[in-house]
Amino acid sequence: MPGSLRKSSIAIVILMKGICLMGQVDYSWWNEKHNWDGVSNWTDYLIITPAYMGPNALPVPDLTDGILATNTS
């Protein structure tokens, strides 16, 4: 039993080391593609308009019997 526990713990430690190494992702490709200055927030580079977000970007009000409710915004 102690031998299998030791093997299991060694395997877990090796697996966790691998996961930590994979977490060090380099996003320099994004910086180069969008000419990021290193200071401004990355959300300033997002285009938030319905034309770029797909068919479900615009809200569609619920219709009940073909009549819009008065409390829709």
PDB file of N, CA and C in Angstrom:
ATOM      1  N   MET A   1       0.806  -1.204   0.000  1.00  0.00           N
ATOM      2  CA  MET A   1       0.000   0.000   0.000  1.00  0.00           C
ATOM      3  C   MET A   1       0.846   1.264   0.000  1.00  0.00           C
ATOM      4  N   PRO A   2       1.861   1.391   0.857  1.00  0.00           N
ATOM      5  CA  PRO A   2       2.656   2.622   0.847  1.00  0.00           C
ATOM      6  C   PRO A   2       3.374   2.850  -0.478  1.00  0.00           C
ATOM      7  N   GLY A   3       3.773   1.780  -1.174  1.00  0.00           N
ATOM      8  CA  GLY A   3       4.455   1.938  -2.454  1.00  0.00           C
ATOM      9  C   GLY A   3       3.542   2.526  -3.512  1.00  0.00           C
ATOM     10  N   SER A   4       2.280   2.078  -3.539  1.00  0.00           N
ATOM     11  CA  SER A   4       1.336   2.602  -4.526  1.00  0.00           C
ATOM     12  C   SER A   4       0.958   4.042  -4.199  1.00  0.00           C
ATOM     13  N   LEU A   5       0.902   4.357  -2.907  1.00  0.00           N
ATOM     14  CA  LEU A   5       0.614   5.733  -2.507  1.00  0.00           C
ATOM     15  C   LEU A   5       1.745   6.662  -2.932  1.00  0.00           C
ATOM     16  N   ARG A   6       2.952   6.195  -2.795  1.00  0.00           N
ATOM     17  CA  ARG A   6       4.108   6.997  -3.194  1.00  0.00           C
ATOM     18  C   ARG A   6       4.111   7.213  -4.706  1.00  0.00           C
ATOM     19  N   LYS A   7       3.822   6.148  -5.468  1.00  0.00           N
ATOM     20  CA  LYS A   7       3.768   6.269  -6.929  1.00  0.00           C
ATOM     21  C   LYS A   7       2.658   7.227  -7.345  1.00  0.00           C
ATOM     22  N   SER A   8       1.525   7.153  -6.663  1.00  0.00           N
ATOM     23  CA  SER A   8       0.407   8.042  -6.987  1.00  0.00           C
ATOM     24  C   SER A   8       0.765   9.494  -6.720  1.00  0.00           C
ATOM     25  N   SER A   9       1.404   9.730  -5.577  1.00  0.00           N
ATOM     26  CA  SER A   9       1.748  11.112  -5.246  1.00  0.00           C
ATOM     27  C   SER A   9       2.812  11.661  -6.186  1.00  0.00           C
ATOM     28  N   ILE A  10       3.746  10.829  -6.607  1.00  0.00           N
ATOM     29  CA  ILE A  10       4.755  11.272  -7.579  1.00  0.00           C
ATOM     30  C   ILE A  10       4.089  11.601  -8.907  1.00  0.00           C
ATOM     31  N   ALA A  11       3.136  10.771  -9.326  1.00  0.00           N
ATOM     32  CA  ALA A  11       2.423  11.020 -10.579  1.00  0.00           C
ATOM     33  C   ALA A  11       1.629  12.321 -10.500  1.00  0.00           C
ATOM     34  N   ILE A  12       1.010  12.571  -9.368  1.00  0.00           N
ATOM     35  CA  ILE A  12       0.232  13.803  -9.199  1.00  0.00           C
ATOM     36  C   ILE A  12       1.142  15.027  -9.232  1.00  0.00           C
ATOM     37  N   VAL A  13       2.287  14.944  -8.588  1.00  0.00           N
ATOM     38  CA  VAL A  13       3.232  16.067  -8.587  1.00  0.00           C
ATOM     39  C   VAL A  13       3.727  16.344  -9.999  1.00  0.00           C
ATOM     40  N   ILE A  14       4.056  15.307 -10.747  1.00  0.00           N
ATOM     41  CA  ILE A  14       4.518  15.485 -12.130  1.00  0.00           C
ATOM     42  C   ILE A  14       3.411  16.093 -12.980  1.00  0.00           C
ATOM     43  N   LEU A  15       2.185  15.627 -12.797  1.00  0.00           N
ATOM     44  CA  LEU A  15       1.054  16.166 -13.549  1.00  0.00           C
ATOM     45  C   LEU A  15       0.838  17.641 -13.226  1.00  0.00           C
ATOM     46  N   MET A  16       0.927  18.000 -11.961  1.00  0.00           N
ATOM     47  CA  MET A  16       0.726  19.398 -11.568  1.00  0.00           C
ATOM     48  C   MET A  16       1.837  20.296 -12.095  1.00  0.00           C
ATOM     49  N   LYS A  17       3.054  19.803 -12.139  1.00  0.00           N
ATOM     50  CA  LYS A  17       4.160  20.582 -12.718  1.00  0.00           C
ATOM     51  C   LYS A  17       3.892  20.847 -14.193  1.00  0.00           C
ATOM     52  N   GLY A  18       3.396  19.825 -14.899  1.00  0.00           N
ATOM     53  CA  GLY A  18       3.087  19.987 -16.317  1.00  0.00           C
ATOM     54  C   GLY A  18       1.989  21.003 -16.549  1.00  0.00           C
ATOM     55  N   ILE A  19       0.974  20.980 -15.692  1.00  0.00           N
ATOM     56  CA  ILE A  19      -0.121  21.940 -15.818  1.00  0.00           C
ATOM     57  C   ILE A  19       0.380  23.356 -15.560  1.00  0.00           C
ATOM     58  N   CYS A  20       1.254  23.521 -14.582  1.00  0.00           N
ATOM     59  CA  CYS A  20       1.809  24.849 -14.292  1.00  0.00           C
ATOM     60  C   CYS A  20       2.631  25.369 -15.465  1.00  0.00           C
ATOM     61  N   LEU A  21       3.366  24.499 -16.109  1.00  0.00           N
ATOM     62  CA  LEU A  21       4.165  24.930 -17.255  1.00  0.00           C
ATOM     63  C   LEU A  21       3.282  25.312 -18.430  1.00  0.00           C
ATOM     64  N   MET A  22       2.153  24.628 -18.596  1.00  0.00           N
ATOM     65  CA  MET A  22       1.245  24.948 -19.690  1.00  0.00           C
ATOM     66  C   MET A  22       0.518  26.263 -19.438  1.00  0.00           C
ATOM     67  N   GLY A  23       0.419  26.711 -18.193  1.00  0.00           N
ATOM     68  CA  GLY A  23      -0.267  27.946 -17.866  1.00  0.00           C
ATOM     69  C   GLY A  23       0.525  29.189 -18.219  1.00  0.00           C
ATOM     70  N   GLN A  24       1.766  29.050 -18.587  1.00  0.00           N
ATOM     71  CA  GLN A  24       2.622  30.183 -18.922  1.00  0.00           C
ATOM     72  C   GLN A  24       2.504  30.505 -20.410  1.00  0.00           C
ATOM     73  N   VAL A  25       1.316  30.873 -20.854  1.00  0.00           N
ATOM     74  CA  VAL A  25       1.063  31.123 -22.266  1.00  0.00           C
ATOM     75  C   VAL A  25       1.605  32.497 -22.647  1.00  0.00           C
ATOM     76  N   ASP A  26       2.202  32.581 -23.810  1.00  0.00           N
ATOM     77  CA  ASP A  26       2.770  33.830 -24.302  1.00  0.00           C
ATOM     78  C   ASP A  26       1.787  34.476 -25.272  1.00  0.00           C
ATOM     79  N   TYR A  27       1.281  35.642 -24.923  1.00  0.00           N
ATOM     80  CA  TYR A  27       0.322  36.343 -25.773  1.00  0.00           C
ATOM     81  C   TYR A  27       0.977  37.452 -26.584  1.00  0.00           C
ATOM     82  N   SER A  28       2.251  37.341 -26.869  1.00  0.00           N
ATOM     83  CA  SER A  28       2.925  38.377 -27.646  1.00  0.00           C
ATOM     84  C   SER A  28       2.389  38.442 -29.074  1.00  0.00           C
ATOM     85  N   TRP A  29       1.842  37.324 -29.585  1.00  0.00           N
ATOM     86  CA  TRP A  29       1.273  37.339 -30.935  1.00  0.00           C
ATOM     87  C   TRP A  29       0.101  38.320 -30.997  1.00  0.00           C
ATOM     88  N   TRP A  30      -0.700  38.394 -29.921  1.00  0.00           N
ATOM     89  CA  TRP A  30      -1.834  39.308 -29.899  1.00  0.00           C
ATOM     90  C   TRP A  30      -1.334  40.740 -29.852  1.00  0.00           C
ATOM     91  N   ASN A  31      -0.297  40.990 -29.065  1.00  0.00           N
ATOM     92  CA  ASN A  31       0.269  42.333 -28.949  1.00  0.00           C
ATOM     93  C   ASN A  31       0.782  42.825 -30.290  1.00  0.00           C
ATOM     94  N   GLU A  32       1.440  41.958 -31.031  1.00  0.00           N
ATOM     95  CA  GLU A  32       1.984  42.349 -32.334  1.00  0.00           C
ATOM     96  C   GLU A  32       0.878  42.546 -33.361  1.00  0.00           C
ATOM     97  N   LYS A  33      -0.129  41.676 -33.346  1.00  0.00           N
ATOM     98  CA  LYS A  33      -1.202  41.762 -34.337  1.00  0.00           C
ATOM     99  C   LYS A  33      -2.019  43.040 -34.178  1.00  0.00           C
ATOM    100  N   HIS A  34      -2.254  43.476 -32.943  1.00  0.00           N
ATOM    101  CA  HIS A  34      -3.106  44.627 -32.687  1.00  0.00           C
ATOM    102  C   HIS A  34      -2.328  45.885 -32.316  1.00  0.00           C
ATOM    103  N   ASN A  35      -1.011  45.847 -32.432  1.00  0.00           N
ATOM    104  CA  ASN A  35      -0.156  47.001 -32.115  1.00  0.00           C
ATOM    105  C   ASN A  35      -0.454  47.557 -30.724  1.00  0.00           C
ATOM    106  N   TRP A  36      -0.468  46.673 -29.740  1.00  0.00           N
ATOM    107  CA  TRP A  36      -0.749  47.077 -28.366  1.00  0.00           C
ATOM    108  C   TRP A  36       0.411  47.877 -27.814  1.00  0.00           C
ATOM    109  N   ASP A  37       0.103  48.998 -27.170  1.00  0.00           N
ATOM    110  CA  ASP A  37       1.145  49.875 -26.638  1.00  0.00           C
ATOM    111  C   ASP A  37       1.660  49.431 -25.273  1.00  0.00           C
ATOM    112  N   GLY A  38       1.056  48.435 -24.666  1.00  0.00           N
ATOM    113  CA  GLY A  38       1.498  47.930 -23.379  1.00  0.00           C
ATOM    114  C   GLY A  38       0.894  48.652 -22.199  1.00  0.00           C
ATOM    115  N   VAL A  39       0.094  49.679 -22.449  1.00  0.00           N
ATOM    116  CA  VAL A  39      -0.469  50.472 -21.366  1.00  0.00           C
ATOM    117  C   VAL A  39      -1.994  50.396 -21.359  1.00  0.00           C
ATOM    118  N   SER A  40      -2.621  50.596 -22.506  1.00  0.00           N
ATOM    119  CA  SER A  40      -4.081  50.652 -22.554  1.00  0.00           C
ATOM    120  C   SER A  40      -4.688  49.276 -22.296  1.00  0.00           C
ATOM    121  N   ASN A  41      -5.921  49.287 -21.821  1.00  0.00           N
ATOM    122  CA  ASN A  41      -6.625  48.061 -21.493  1.00  0.00           C
ATOM    123  C   ASN A  41      -6.973  47.301 -22.768  1.00  0.00           C
ATOM    124  N   TRP A  42      -6.938  45.972 -22.706  1.00  0.00           N
ATOM    125  CA  TRP A  42      -7.208  45.169 -23.900  1.00  0.00           C
ATOM    126  C   TRP A  42      -8.656  45.290 -24.350  1.00  0.00           C
ATOM    127  N   THR A  43      -9.576  45.701 -23.464  1.00  0.00           N
ATOM    128  CA  THR A  43     -10.971  45.849 -23.867  1.00  0.00           C
ATOM    129  C   THR A  43     -11.168  47.022 -24.822  1.00  0.00           C
ATOM    130  N   ASP A  44     -10.209  47.949 -24.863  1.00  0.00           N
ATOM    131  CA  ASP A  44     -10.297  49.055 -25.815  1.00  0.00           C
ATOM    132  C   ASP A  44     -10.145  48.574 -27.253  1.00  0.00           C
ATOM    133  N   TYR A  45      -9.621  47.376 -27.447  1.00  0.00           N
ATOM    134  CA  TYR A  45      -9.389  46.848 -28.781  1.00  0.00           C
ATOM    135  C   TYR A  45     -10.540  45.982 -29.285  1.00  0.00           C
ATOM    136  N   LEU A  46     -11.554  45.759 -28.461  1.00  0.00           N
ATOM    137  CA  LEU A  46     -12.696  44.952 -28.870  1.00  0.00           C
ATOM    138  C   LEU A  46     -13.685  45.792 -29.661  1.00  0.00           C
ATOM    139  N   ILE A  47     -14.259  45.209 -30.688  1.00  0.00           N
ATOM    140  CA  ILE A  47     -15.298  45.871 -31.470  1.00  0.00           C
ATOM    141  C   ILE A  47     -16.628  45.311 -30.986  1.00  0.00           C
ATOM    142  N   ILE A  48     -17.369  46.136 -30.245  1.00  0.00           N
ATOM    143  CA  ILE A  48     -18.626  45.673 -29.672  1.00  0.00           C
ATOM    144  C   ILE A  48     -19.774  46.331 -30.427  1.00  0.00           C
ATOM    145  N   THR A  49     -20.113  45.781 -31.572  1.00  0.00           N
ATOM    146  CA  THR A  49     -21.264  46.199 -32.350  1.00  0.00           C
ATOM    147  C   THR A  49     -21.948  44.944 -32.868  1.00  0.00           C
ATOM    148  N   PRO A  50     -23.250  44.991 -33.088  1.00  0.00           N
ATOM    149  CA  PRO A  50     -23.961  43.796 -33.538  1.00  0.00           C
ATOM    150  C   PRO A  50     -23.441  43.224 -34.852  1.00  0.00           C
ATOM    151  N   ALA A  51     -22.879  44.052 -35.704  1.00  0.00           N
ATOM    152  CA  ALA A  51     -22.380  43.556 -36.987  1.00  0.00           C
ATOM    153  C   ALA A  51     -21.238  42.562 -36.816  1.00  0.00           C
ATOM    154  N   TYR A  52     -20.483  42.675 -35.733  1.00  0.00           N
ATOM    155  CA  TYR A  52     -19.343  41.796 -35.501  1.00  0.00           C
ATOM    156  C   TYR A  52     -19.635  40.671 -34.505  1.00  0.00           C
ATOM    157  N   MET A  53     -20.864  40.613 -33.965  1.00  0.00           N
ATOM    158  CA  MET A  53     -21.155  39.651 -32.909  1.00  0.00           C
ATOM    159  C   MET A  53     -22.037  38.491 -33.336  1.00  0.00           C
ATOM    160  N   GLY A  54     -22.525  38.467 -34.543  1.00  0.00           N
ATOM    161  CA  GLY A  54     -23.314  37.333 -34.997  1.00  0.00           C
ATOM    162  C   GLY A  54     -24.815  37.579 -34.914  1.00  0.00           C
ATOM    163  N   PRO A  55     -25.584  36.557 -35.265  1.00  0.00           N
ATOM    164  CA  PRO A  55     -27.036  36.730 -35.385  1.00  0.00           C
ATOM    165  C   PRO A  55     -27.770  36.917 -34.057  1.00  0.00           C
ATOM    166  N   ASN A  56     -27.191  36.526 -32.943  1.00  0.00           N
ATOM    167  CA  ASN A  56     -27.883  36.629 -31.660  1.00  0.00           C
ATOM    168  C   ASN A  56     -27.467  37.862 -30.863  1.00  0.00           C
ATOM    169  N   ALA A  57     -26.895  38.854 -31.516  1.00  0.00           N
ATOM    170  CA  ALA A  57     -26.390  40.019 -30.803  1.00  0.00           C
ATOM    171  C   ALA A  57     -27.495  41.003 -30.428  1.00  0.00           C
ATOM    172  N   LEU A  58     -28.532  41.078 -31.225  1.00  0.00           N
ATOM    173  CA  LEU A  58     -29.603  42.025 -30.942  1.00  0.00           C
ATOM    174  C   LEU A  58     -30.662  41.375 -30.058  1.00  0.00           C
ATOM    175  N   PRO A  59     -31.109  42.068 -29.028  1.00  0.00           N
ATOM    176  CA  PRO A  59     -32.161  41.491 -28.186  1.00  0.00           C
ATOM    177  C   PRO A  59     -33.501  41.502 -28.914  1.00  0.00           C
ATOM    178  N   VAL A  60     -34.243  40.436 -28.774  1.00  0.00           N
ATOM    179  CA  VAL A  60     -35.563  40.329 -29.389  1.00  0.00           C
ATOM    180  C   VAL A  60     -36.579  40.263 -28.256  1.00  0.00           C
ATOM    181  N   PRO A  61     -37.540  41.188 -28.243  1.00  0.00           N
ATOM    182  CA  PRO A  61     -38.523  41.176 -27.153  1.00  0.00           C
ATOM    183  C   PRO A  61     -39.466  39.975 -27.268  1.00  0.00           C
ATOM    184  N   ASP A  62     -39.987  39.542 -26.122  1.00  0.00           N
ATOM    185  CA  ASP A  62     -40.969  38.459 -26.115  1.00  0.00           C
ATOM    186  C   ASP A  62     -42.297  38.988 -26.631  1.00  0.00           C
ATOM    187  N   LEU A  63     -42.905  38.240 -27.524  1.00  0.00           N
ATOM    188  CA  LEU A  63     -44.203  38.622 -28.066  1.00  0.00           C
ATOM    189  C   LEU A  63     -45.270  37.705 -27.485  1.00  0.00           C
ATOM    190  N   THR A  64     -46.340  38.305 -27.002  1.00  0.00           N
ATOM    191  CA  THR A  64     -47.477  37.539 -26.516  1.00  0.00           C
ATOM    192  C   THR A  64     -48.672  37.919 -27.369  1.00  0.00           C
ATOM    193  N   ASP A  65     -49.141  37.001 -28.154  1.00  0.00           N
ATOM    194  CA  ASP A  65     -50.269  37.231 -29.069  1.00  0.00           C
ATOM    195  C   ASP A  65     -49.974  38.352 -30.057  1.00  0.00           C
ATOM    196  N   GLY A  66     -48.725  38.545 -30.404  1.00  0.00           N
ATOM    197  CA  GLY A  66     -48.348  39.535 -31.396  1.00  0.00           C
ATOM    198  C   GLY A  66     -48.342  40.959 -30.886  1.00  0.00           C
ATOM    199  N   ILE A  67     -48.444  41.158 -29.571  1.00  0.00           N
ATOM    200  CA  ILE A  67     -48.476  42.500 -28.992  1.00  0.00           C
ATOM    201  C   ILE A  67     -47.287  42.639 -28.046  1.00  0.00           C
ATOM    202  N   LEU A  68     -46.557  43.738 -28.182  1.00  0.00           N
ATOM    203  CA  LEU A  68     -45.437  44.000 -27.277  1.00  0.00           C
ATOM    204  C   LEU A  68     -45.949  44.428 -25.910  1.00  0.00           C
ATOM    205  N   ALA A  69     -45.314  43.958 -24.876  1.00  0.00           N
ATOM    206  CA  ALA A  69     -45.673  44.385 -23.523  1.00  0.00           C
ATOM    207  C   ALA A  69     -45.228  45.828 -23.317  1.00  0.00           C
ATOM    208  N   THR A  70     -45.847  46.514 -22.407  1.00  0.00           N
ATOM    209  CA  THR A  70     -45.527  47.926 -22.190  1.00  0.00           C
ATOM    210  C   THR A  70     -44.236  48.115 -21.405  1.00  0.00           C
ATOM    211  N   ASN A  71     -43.755  47.082 -20.704  1.00  0.00           N
ATOM    212  CA  ASN A  71     -42.560  47.239 -19.877  1.00  0.00           C
ATOM    213  C   ASN A  71     -41.288  46.760 -20.567  1.00  0.00           C
ATOM    214  N   THR A  72     -41.289  46.619 -21.881  1.00  0.00           N
ATOM    215  CA  THR A  72     -40.068  46.210 -22.582  1.00  0.00           C
ATOM    216  C   THR A  72     -39.160  47.408 -22.762  1.00  0.00           C
ATOM    217  N   SER A  73     -37.883  47.149 -22.779  1.00  0.00           N
ATOM    218  CA  SER A  73     -36.934  48.249 -22.968  1.00  0.00           C
ATOM    219  C   SER A  73     -36.097  48.005 -24.191  1.00  0.00           C
TER     220      SER A  73
END
